[in-house]
Protein backbone atom coordinates (compact mmCIF):
# COMPACT_ATOMS: atom_id res chain seq x y z
CA MET A 1 5.17 -12.99 12.55
CA MET A 2 4.70 -10.57 9.70
CA ARG A 3 1.39 -8.75 9.73
CA ALA A 4 -0.71 -8.24 6.39
CA TYR A 5 -1.62 -4.71 4.97
CA SER A 6 -5.22 -4.26 3.83
CA ILE A 7 -5.52 -3.28 0.12
CA GLU A 8 -8.01 -0.65 -0.69
CA ILE A 9 -9.19 0.19 -4.16
CA ASP A 10 -11.47 3.32 -4.61
CA GLY A 11 -12.02 3.10 -0.80
CA ASP A 12 -13.20 -0.50 -0.68
CA LYS A 13 -11.01 -3.17 1.02
CA ILE A 14 -10.44 -5.83 -1.62
CA GLY A 15 -7.98 -8.06 0.23
CA THR A 16 -4.65 -8.09 2.23
CA ILE A 17 -0.96 -8.51 1.26
CA LYS A 18 2.14 -9.30 3.27
CA GLU A 19 5.55 -7.91 2.73
CA GLY A 20 7.39 -10.08 0.04
CA GLU A 21 4.06 -11.42 -1.22
CA THR A 22 2.84 -11.11 -4.91
CA LYS A 23 -0.94 -10.72 -5.74
CA ASP A 24 -2.95 -10.57 -9.06
CA ILE A 25 -5.92 -8.41 -8.61
CA PRO A 26 -8.29 -8.04 -11.47
CA ILE A 27 -9.67 -4.48 -11.72
CA ASP A 28 -11.92 -2.61 -14.22
CA GLU A 29 -10.41 -0.24 -16.70
CA GLY A 30 -10.42 3.44 -15.81
CA ALA A 31 -8.90 5.68 -13.02
CA HIS A 32 -8.51 4.25 -9.47
CA ILE A 33 -7.03 5.07 -6.19
CA VAL A 34 -5.05 2.52 -4.46
CA LYS A 35 -4.07 2.68 -0.72
CA LEU A 36 -2.78 0.42 1.98
CA LYS A 37 -3.68 0.33 5.68
CA ILE A 38 -2.61 -1.37 8.88
CA ASP A 39 -4.14 -0.56 12.14
CA TRP A 40 -3.75 3.31 12.62
CA ALA A 41 -1.36 3.76 9.75
CA CYS A 42 -1.82 4.07 6.00
CA SER A 43 0.16 4.68 2.79
CA ASN A 44 0.13 7.38 0.33
CA GLU A 45 -2.84 7.31 -2.17
CA LEU A 46 -1.73 6.08 -5.53
CA GLN A 47 -3.80 7.06 -8.60
CA ILE A 48 -3.60 4.48 -11.43
CA ASN A 49 -5.15 4.58 -14.94
CA VAL A 50 -5.97 1.02 -16.24
CA SER A 51 -6.55 0.42 -19.90
CA SER A 52 -8.18 -2.81 -21.30
CA GLY A 53 -5.99 -5.80 -21.02
CA GLU A 54 -3.20 -3.83 -19.25
CA ASP A 55 -1.16 -5.13 -16.39
CA ILE A 56 -0.01 -2.58 -13.75
CA ASN A 57 2.71 -3.58 -11.27
CA LEU A 58 2.86 -2.00 -7.89
CA GLU A 59 5.30 -2.39 -5.09
CA CYS A 60 4.60 -1.77 -1.38
CA GLY A 61 6.31 -1.82 2.01
CA ASN A 62 6.90 0.11 5.27
CA ALA A 63 9.11 2.85 6.18
CA MET A 64 10.70 1.00 9.06
CA ARG A 65 13.99 -0.07 7.33
CA GLY A 66 17.65 0.41 8.44
CA TRP A 67 18.29 3.43 10.64
CA LYS A 68 14.60 4.52 10.27
CA ILE A 69 13.66 2.07 12.95
CA ILE A 70 14.83 4.51 15.56
CA LEU A 71 12.02 6.83 14.29
CA VAL A 72 9.16 4.42 15.17
CA ILE A 73 7.57 6.72 17.66
CA PHE A 74 7.11 9.35 14.91
CA TYR A 75 5.90 6.76 12.23
CA THR A 76 3.38 5.57 14.64
CA THR A 77 2.03 9.01 15.75
CA ILE A 78 2.66 12.05 13.66
CA TRP A 79 3.88 10.42 10.33
CA ARG A 80 1.26 7.56 10.40
CA LYS A 81 0.23 8.42 6.88
CA LYS A 82 3.95 7.78 5.83
CA TYR A 83 4.39 4.54 7.68
CA LEU A 84 3.37 2.41 4.57
CA TRP A 85 4.24 3.25 0.95
CA ILE A 86 2.98 2.25 -2.45
CA GLU A 87 4.19 2.91 -5.95
CA GLU A 88 4.04 1.83 -9.54
CA ILE A 89 7.01 0.07 -10.99
């Protein structure tokens, strides 16, 4: 079963998202910080600037793909802030 990531905007949890899922989240215009969390791990902090009526598209996921799966012990301990990622597309 695939687990959901918590979505945080400006430090407030506003919902969850699973890998491969699409969400529309209304947000006030201005500068915001978006971050994902799951258990002990989190993503990078992404700063976005939203203008009135603008749509911003983000993509997210986790680092455990392909050969990186062998690095699971590092991603769950010392690289826990790199386990998830988020970026503007």
